[in-house]
Amino acid sequence: MNLVSLRLITDDVDRLVTFYETITGLTADRPNAEFAELRTHNGTLAIGSTRTVAIFGPGSARPADNHSAIVEFLVADVDALSARLAAGGIELLGEPRDLPWGNRSQLVRDPDGTLVNLFTPVTAAAIAKFAAAGV
């Protein structure tokens, strides 16, 4: 088994796509107005309109209602990215900080309120762990 995608459901696909394109530097694949995908080396962040929920079952997902998941992106230099995002008007949740498991982390929230962790491994163990991730 392989985790290949995480999908966020939203009332405003364009707004969420613009946010994630800004923080990742990626361009989303937009096969239609109801769906987008941002593909990374290791997985895909999918963004679907609330109008797609009926495909999975009415009421199976609610937009802007996440209180438990954190979307995480491995980045080359979290401090430089934090400065770029702040200069571009993205609200940062505090300053970048070193975490006990060896990553330097910057938290932001997407427009729907989902917590997003941007991180760079900084200890030898964390660097080794993510060495094959392609960043």
N, C-alpha and C. Protein backbone atom coordinates (compact mmCIF):
# COMPACT_ATOMS: atom_id res chain seq x y z
N MET A 1 0.84 -1.17 0.00
CA MET A 1 0.00 0.00 0.00
C MET A 1 0.89 1.24 0.00
N ASN A 2 0.43 2.30 -0.64
CA ASN A 2 1.20 3.53 -0.74
C ASN A 2 0.26 4.72 -0.66
N LEU A 3 0.48 5.62 0.28
CA LEU A 3 -0.31 6.84 0.36
C LEU A 3 0.09 7.73 -0.80
N VAL A 4 -0.84 8.06 -1.68
CA VAL A 4 -0.50 8.84 -2.86
C VAL A 4 -1.15 10.22 -2.90
N SER A 5 -2.22 10.41 -2.11
CA SER A 5 -2.92 11.68 -2.22
C SER A 5 -3.66 12.03 -0.93
N LEU A 6 -3.76 13.31 -0.69
CA LEU A 6 -4.58 13.87 0.37
C LEU A 6 -5.50 14.86 -0.33
N ARG A 7 -6.81 14.78 -0.08
CA ARG A 7 -7.76 15.67 -0.74
C ARG A 7 -8.41 16.60 0.27
N LEU A 8 -8.42 17.87 -0.05
CA LEU A 8 -9.12 18.87 0.75
C LEU A 8 -10.38 19.27 0.00
N ILE A 9 -11.49 19.35 0.71
CA ILE A 9 -12.76 19.77 0.13
C ILE A 9 -13.00 21.22 0.51
N THR A 10 -13.41 22.03 -0.46
CA THR A 10 -13.57 23.46 -0.23
C THR A 10 -14.76 24.02 -1.00
N ASP A 11 -15.28 25.13 -0.51
CA ASP A 11 -16.30 25.88 -1.24
C ASP A 11 -15.68 26.77 -2.31
N ASP A 12 -14.35 26.98 -2.26
CA ASP A 12 -13.68 27.90 -3.18
C ASP A 12 -12.37 27.28 -3.68
N VAL A 13 -12.48 26.47 -4.72
CA VAL A 13 -11.32 25.78 -5.27
C VAL A 13 -10.25 26.77 -5.71
N ASP A 14 -10.65 27.83 -6.41
CA ASP A 14 -9.66 28.79 -6.92
C ASP A 14 -8.84 29.42 -5.79
N ARG A 15 -9.50 29.80 -4.71
CA ARG A 15 -8.80 30.44 -3.58
C ARG A 15 -7.80 29.48 -2.95
N LEU A 16 -8.22 28.22 -2.74
CA LEU A 16 -7.33 27.25 -2.11
C LEU A 16 -6.18 26.88 -3.04
N VAL A 17 -6.45 26.73 -4.33
CA VAL A 17 -5.39 26.43 -5.29
C VAL A 17 -4.36 27.55 -5.31
N THR A 18 -4.83 28.78 -5.35
CA THR A 18 -3.90 29.93 -5.36
C THR A 18 -3.01 29.92 -4.13
N PHE A 19 -3.59 29.65 -2.96
CA PHE A 19 -2.80 29.59 -1.72
C PHE A 19 -1.72 28.51 -1.82
N TYR A 20 -2.10 27.30 -2.19
CA TYR A 20 -1.13 26.20 -2.23
C TYR A 20 -0.10 26.38 -3.36
N GLU A 21 -0.49 26.98 -4.46
CA GLU A 21 0.50 27.30 -5.49
C GLU A 21 1.51 28.31 -4.96
N THR A 22 1.04 29.28 -4.19
CA THR A 22 1.92 30.30 -3.62
C THR A 22 2.91 29.69 -2.64
N ILE A 23 2.45 28.84 -1.73
CA ILE A 23 3.38 28.32 -0.72
C ILE A 23 4.31 27.25 -1.28
N THR A 24 3.85 26.49 -2.29
CA THR A 24 4.69 25.41 -2.81
C THR A 24 5.53 25.80 -4.02
N GLY A 25 5.12 26.83 -4.75
CA GLY A 25 5.79 27.17 -5.99
C GLY A 25 5.41 26.24 -7.14
N LEU A 26 4.45 25.36 -6.90
CA LEU A 26 3.99 24.43 -7.93
C LEU A 26 2.81 25.02 -8.69
N THR A 27 2.54 24.49 -9.87
CA THR A 27 1.36 24.85 -10.63
C THR A 27 0.40 23.68 -10.60
N ALA A 28 -0.82 23.93 -10.22
CA ALA A 28 -1.82 22.87 -10.10
C ALA A 28 -2.27 22.42 -11.48
N ASP A 29 -2.54 21.13 -11.59
CA ASP A 29 -3.21 20.57 -12.75
C ASP A 29 -4.70 20.75 -12.52
N ARG A 30 -5.39 21.41 -13.45
CA ARG A 30 -6.81 21.73 -13.28
C ARG A 30 -7.61 21.09 -14.41
N PRO A 31 -8.00 19.82 -14.27
CA PRO A 31 -8.77 19.18 -15.34
C PRO A 31 -10.15 19.80 -15.52
N ASN A 32 -10.69 20.44 -14.46
CA ASN A 32 -11.95 21.16 -14.55
C ASN A 32 -12.05 22.13 -13.37
N ALA A 33 -13.12 22.91 -13.33
CA ALA A 33 -13.26 23.93 -12.30
C ALA A 33 -13.52 23.36 -10.91
N GLU A 34 -13.87 22.09 -10.82
CA GLU A 34 -14.24 21.47 -9.55
C GLU A 34 -13.09 20.74 -8.87
N PHE A 35 -11.93 20.64 -9.52
CA PHE A 35 -10.88 19.77 -9.01
C PHE A 35 -9.51 20.25 -9.47
N ALA A 36 -8.53 20.08 -8.59
CA ALA A 36 -7.14 20.44 -8.91
C ALA A 36 -6.21 19.49 -8.17
N GLU A 37 -5.01 19.33 -8.71
CA GLU A 37 -3.98 18.53 -8.05
C GLU A 37 -2.65 19.25 -8.11
N LEU A 38 -1.96 19.27 -6.97
CA LEU A 38 -0.59 19.75 -6.91
C LEU A 38 0.27 18.52 -6.64
N ARG A 39 1.09 18.15 -7.61
CA ARG A 39 1.88 16.92 -7.50
C ARG A 39 3.29 17.22 -7.04
N THR A 40 3.72 16.49 -6.02
CA THR A 40 5.09 16.58 -5.55
C THR A 40 5.77 15.25 -5.87
N HIS A 41 7.04 15.17 -5.57
CA HIS A 41 7.82 13.96 -5.81
C HIS A 41 7.22 12.75 -5.09
N ASN A 42 6.67 12.96 -3.90
CA ASN A 42 6.21 11.86 -3.06
C ASN A 42 4.71 11.70 -2.95
N GLY A 43 3.94 12.64 -3.41
CA GLY A 43 2.49 12.53 -3.28
C GLY A 43 1.80 13.73 -3.86
N THR A 44 0.48 13.70 -3.80
CA THR A 44 -0.34 14.73 -4.41
C THR A 44 -1.28 15.34 -3.40
N LEU A 45 -1.39 16.66 -3.44
CA LEU A 45 -2.42 17.36 -2.70
C LEU A 45 -3.53 17.65 -3.69
N ALA A 46 -4.69 17.04 -3.47
CA ALA A 46 -5.85 17.26 -4.33
C ALA A 46 -6.79 18.24 -3.64
N ILE A 47 -7.44 19.05 -4.44
CA ILE A 47 -8.40 20.03 -3.93
C ILE A 47 -9.68 19.84 -4.72
N GLY A 48 -10.76 19.52 -4.01
CA GLY A 48 -12.04 19.28 -4.66
C GLY A 48 -13.11 20.22 -4.16
N SER A 49 -14.00 20.56 -5.04
CA SER A 49 -15.14 21.40 -4.70
C SER A 49 -16.14 20.61 -3.87
N THR A 50 -16.90 21.33 -3.05
CA THR A 50 -17.96 20.68 -2.30
C THR A 50 -18.95 19.99 -3.24
N ARG A 51 -19.02 20.46 -4.47
CA ARG A 51 -19.92 19.82 -5.44
C ARG A 51 -19.47 18.41 -5.80
N THR A 52 -18.22 18.05 -5.48
CA THR A 52 -17.75 16.68 -5.77
C THR A 52 -18.08 15.71 -4.65
N VAL A 53 -18.50 16.19 -3.51
CA VAL A 53 -18.77 15.34 -2.36
C VAL A 53 -19.84 14.30 -2.67
N ALA A 54 -20.82 14.66 -3.45
CA ALA A 54 -21.91 13.73 -3.78
C ALA A 54 -21.39 12.45 -4.43
N ILE A 55 -20.26 12.51 -5.11
CA ILE A 55 -19.66 11.33 -5.74
C ILE A 55 -19.31 10.30 -4.67
N PHE A 56 -18.85 10.75 -3.52
CA PHE A 56 -18.43 9.86 -2.44
C PHE A 56 -19.57 9.52 -1.49
N GLY A 57 -20.61 10.30 -1.52
CA GLY A 57 -21.77 10.11 -0.65
C GLY A 57 -22.14 11.43 -0.02
N PRO A 58 -23.38 11.84 -0.14
CA PRO A 58 -23.81 13.12 0.42
C PRO A 58 -23.43 13.25 1.89
N GLY A 59 -22.84 14.38 2.23
CA GLY A 59 -22.46 14.66 3.62
C GLY A 59 -21.20 13.96 4.09
N SER A 60 -20.50 13.27 3.19
CA SER A 60 -19.30 12.52 3.60
C SER A 60 -18.12 13.42 3.94
N ALA A 61 -18.12 14.66 3.47
CA ALA A 61 -17.05 15.61 3.78
C ALA A 61 -17.66 17.00 3.89
N ARG A 62 -17.07 17.82 4.78
CA ARG A 62 -17.52 19.19 4.97
C ARG A 62 -16.34 20.13 4.77
N PRO A 63 -16.51 21.18 4.01
CA PRO A 63 -15.40 22.11 3.79
C PRO A 63 -15.07 22.91 5.04
N ALA A 64 -13.81 23.33 5.13
CA ALA A 64 -13.35 24.24 6.18
C ALA A 64 -13.73 23.73 7.57
N ASP A 65 -13.59 22.42 7.80
CA ASP A 65 -14.00 21.83 9.06
C ASP A 65 -12.93 20.91 9.64
N ASN A 66 -11.68 21.13 9.26
CA ASN A 66 -10.60 20.28 9.74
C ASN A 66 -10.08 20.79 11.09
N HIS A 67 -10.06 19.91 12.07
CA HIS A 67 -9.51 20.27 13.37
C HIS A 67 -8.52 19.25 13.87
N SER A 68 -8.06 18.37 12.98
CA SER A 68 -7.14 17.33 13.46
C SER A 68 -5.97 17.06 12.53
N ALA A 69 -6.10 17.28 11.25
CA ALA A 69 -5.01 16.98 10.32
C ALA A 69 -4.13 18.21 10.07
N ILE A 70 -2.85 17.93 9.82
CA ILE A 70 -1.90 18.98 9.44
C ILE A 70 -1.30 18.56 8.10
N VAL A 71 -1.39 19.42 7.09
CA VAL A 71 -0.75 19.17 5.81
C VAL A 71 0.70 19.59 5.95
N GLU A 72 1.63 18.71 5.56
CA GLU A 72 3.05 19.01 5.76
C GLU A 72 3.81 18.95 4.44
N PHE A 73 4.68 19.96 4.25
CA PHE A 73 5.53 20.02 3.07
C PHE A 73 6.99 20.12 3.51
N LEU A 74 7.80 19.23 2.99
CA LEU A 74 9.25 19.29 3.16
C LEU A 74 9.78 20.34 2.19
N VAL A 75 10.52 21.31 2.70
CA VAL A 75 11.03 22.40 1.87
C VAL A 75 12.54 22.52 2.05
N ALA A 76 13.22 23.08 1.06
CA ALA A 76 14.68 23.17 1.09
C ALA A 76 15.18 24.12 2.17
N ASP A 77 14.50 25.26 2.37
CA ASP A 77 14.96 26.27 3.33
C ASP A 77 13.75 26.96 3.94
N VAL A 78 13.30 26.48 5.08
CA VAL A 78 12.08 27.00 5.70
C VAL A 78 12.22 28.47 6.08
N ASP A 79 13.40 28.92 6.47
CA ASP A 79 13.58 30.33 6.84
C ASP A 79 13.40 31.24 5.64
N ALA A 80 13.99 30.88 4.52
CA ALA A 80 13.85 31.68 3.30
C ALA A 80 12.40 31.67 2.82
N LEU A 81 11.76 30.51 2.86
CA LEU A 81 10.36 30.43 2.45
C LEU A 81 9.48 31.26 3.37
N SER A 82 9.71 31.22 4.66
CA SER A 82 8.93 32.02 5.61
C SER A 82 9.04 33.50 5.29
N ALA A 83 10.24 33.96 5.01
CA ALA A 83 10.44 35.37 4.67
C ALA A 83 9.69 35.73 3.38
N ARG A 84 9.75 34.84 2.39
CA ARG A 84 9.05 35.09 1.11
C ARG A 84 7.54 35.14 1.32
N LEU A 85 7.01 34.20 2.10
CA LEU A 85 5.57 34.17 2.35
C LEU A 85 5.11 35.40 3.12
N ALA A 86 5.86 35.78 4.14
CA ALA A 86 5.50 36.96 4.92
C ALA A 86 5.50 38.20 4.04
N ALA A 87 6.50 38.33 3.18
CA ALA A 87 6.57 39.47 2.27
C ALA A 87 5.41 39.47 1.27
N GLY A 88 4.88 38.27 0.98
CA GLY A 88 3.76 38.13 0.05
C GLY A 88 2.40 38.21 0.72
N GLY A 89 2.37 38.46 2.03
CA GLY A 89 1.11 38.65 2.72
C GLY A 89 0.50 37.40 3.32
N ILE A 90 1.22 36.28 3.31
CA ILE A 90 0.72 35.07 3.96
C ILE A 90 0.96 35.21 5.46
N GLU A 91 -0.08 35.00 6.26
CA GLU A 91 0.06 35.12 7.71
C GLU A 91 0.78 33.90 8.27
N LEU A 92 1.89 34.15 8.95
CA LEU A 92 2.66 33.09 9.59
C LEU A 92 2.17 32.92 11.02
N LEU A 93 2.15 31.68 11.49
CA LEU A 93 1.78 31.41 12.88
C LEU A 93 3.06 31.32 13.69
N GLY A 94 3.52 32.46 14.15
CA GLY A 94 4.78 32.52 14.88
C GLY A 94 5.97 32.55 13.94
N GLU A 95 7.13 32.30 14.51
CA GLU A 95 8.39 32.29 13.78
C GLU A 95 8.80 30.84 13.51
N PRO A 96 9.69 30.61 12.54
CA PRO A 96 10.22 29.25 12.36
C PRO A 96 10.88 28.79 13.67
N ARG A 97 10.71 27.51 13.99
CA ARG A 97 11.28 26.99 15.23
C ARG A 97 11.77 25.57 15.03
N ASP A 98 12.78 25.21 15.83
CA ASP A 98 13.33 23.86 15.80
C ASP A 98 12.48 22.96 16.68
N LEU A 99 12.12 21.80 16.14
CA LEU A 99 11.29 20.84 16.86
C LEU A 99 12.13 19.70 17.40
N PRO A 100 11.67 19.04 18.45
CA PRO A 100 12.48 18.00 19.11
C PRO A 100 12.87 16.83 18.22
N TRP A 101 12.16 16.60 17.13
CA TRP A 101 12.47 15.45 16.27
C TRP A 101 13.38 15.82 15.11
N GLY A 102 13.93 17.06 15.14
CA GLY A 102 15.00 17.40 14.21
C GLY A 102 14.63 18.24 13.01
N ASN A 103 13.41 18.75 12.96
CA ASN A 103 13.00 19.60 11.85
C ASN A 103 12.87 21.05 12.31
N ARG A 104 13.13 21.97 11.39
CA ARG A 104 12.84 23.39 11.61
C ARG A 104 11.52 23.64 10.90
N SER A 105 10.57 24.24 11.61
CA SER A 105 9.19 24.27 11.15
C SER A 105 8.59 25.67 11.15
N GLN A 106 7.75 25.92 10.16
CA GLN A 106 6.95 27.15 10.10
C GLN A 106 5.50 26.74 9.88
N LEU A 107 4.61 27.20 10.72
CA LEU A 107 3.19 26.90 10.57
C LEU A 107 2.45 28.07 9.94
N VAL A 108 1.50 27.73 9.06
CA VAL A 108 0.57 28.69 8.46
C VAL A 108 -0.79 28.00 8.43
N ARG A 109 -1.83 28.75 8.14
CA ARG A 109 -3.16 28.17 7.91
C ARG A 109 -3.59 28.51 6.49
N ASP A 110 -4.21 27.54 5.84
CA ASP A 110 -4.73 27.83 4.51
C ASP A 110 -6.03 28.64 4.66
N PRO A 111 -6.58 29.16 3.58
CA PRO A 111 -7.77 30.00 3.68
C PRO A 111 -8.99 29.32 4.31
N ASP A 112 -9.03 28.00 4.30
CA ASP A 112 -10.13 27.26 4.94
C ASP A 112 -9.81 26.89 6.38
N GLY A 113 -8.65 27.27 6.88
CA GLY A 113 -8.30 27.03 8.26
C GLY A 113 -7.46 25.80 8.53
N THR A 114 -7.12 25.04 7.50
CA THR A 114 -6.29 23.85 7.70
C THR A 114 -4.88 24.27 8.06
N LEU A 115 -4.33 23.64 9.08
CA LEU A 115 -2.96 23.92 9.50
C LEU A 115 -1.98 23.31 8.50
N VAL A 116 -0.98 24.09 8.12
CA VAL A 116 0.03 23.66 7.17
C VAL A 116 1.39 23.83 7.83
N ASN A 117 2.18 22.76 7.83
CA ASN A 117 3.53 22.77 8.39
C ASN A 117 4.53 22.72 7.24
N LEU A 118 5.37 23.73 7.17
CA LEU A 118 6.46 23.79 6.20
C LEU A 118 7.73 23.50 7.00
N PHE A 119 8.51 22.50 6.59
CA PHE A 119 9.64 22.14 7.43
C PHE A 119 10.87 21.75 6.63
N THR A 120 12.02 21.94 7.27
CA THR A 120 13.32 21.56 6.75
C THR A 120 14.02 20.73 7.81
N PRO A 121 14.50 19.53 7.46
CA PRO A 121 15.28 18.75 8.42
C PRO A 121 16.58 19.48 8.73
N VAL A 122 16.96 19.51 10.03
CA VAL A 122 18.18 20.22 10.41
C VAL A 122 19.17 19.37 11.20
N THR A 123 18.72 18.29 11.80
CA THR A 123 19.66 17.41 12.51
C THR A 123 20.11 16.31 11.56
N ALA A 124 21.22 15.68 11.88
CA ALA A 124 21.74 14.61 11.01
C ALA A 124 20.71 13.50 10.84
N ALA A 125 20.03 13.12 11.91
CA ALA A 125 19.03 12.05 11.83
C ALA A 125 17.86 12.44 10.93
N ALA A 126 17.37 13.67 11.08
CA ALA A 126 16.26 14.12 10.26
C ALA A 126 16.66 14.28 8.80
N ILE A 127 17.87 14.78 8.57
CA ILE A 127 18.37 14.92 7.21
C ILE A 127 18.46 13.55 6.54
N ALA A 128 18.99 12.57 7.28
CA ALA A 128 19.11 11.21 6.73
C ALA A 128 17.73 10.63 6.44
N LYS A 129 16.78 10.86 7.32
CA LYS A 129 15.42 10.33 7.16
C LYS A 129 14.78 10.81 5.87
N PHE A 130 14.99 12.07 5.53
CA PHE A 130 14.33 12.66 4.36
C PHE A 130 15.25 12.78 3.14
N ALA A 131 16.43 12.18 3.18
CA ALA A 131 17.42 12.33 2.11
C ALA A 131 16.88 11.92 0.73
N ALA A 132 16.04 10.92 0.67
CA ALA A 132 15.53 10.44 -0.62
C ALA A 132 14.26 11.16 -1.07
N ALA A 133 13.81 12.16 -0.32
CA ALA A 133 12.53 12.81 -0.62
C ALA A 133 12.60 13.78 -1.79
N GLY A 134 13.77 14.13 -2.25
CA GLY A 134 13.87 14.95 -3.44
C GLY A 134 13.82 16.44 -3.25
N VAL A 135 14.07 16.94 -2.06
CA VAL A 135 14.12 18.40 -1.87
C VAL A 135 15.55 18.82 -1.62
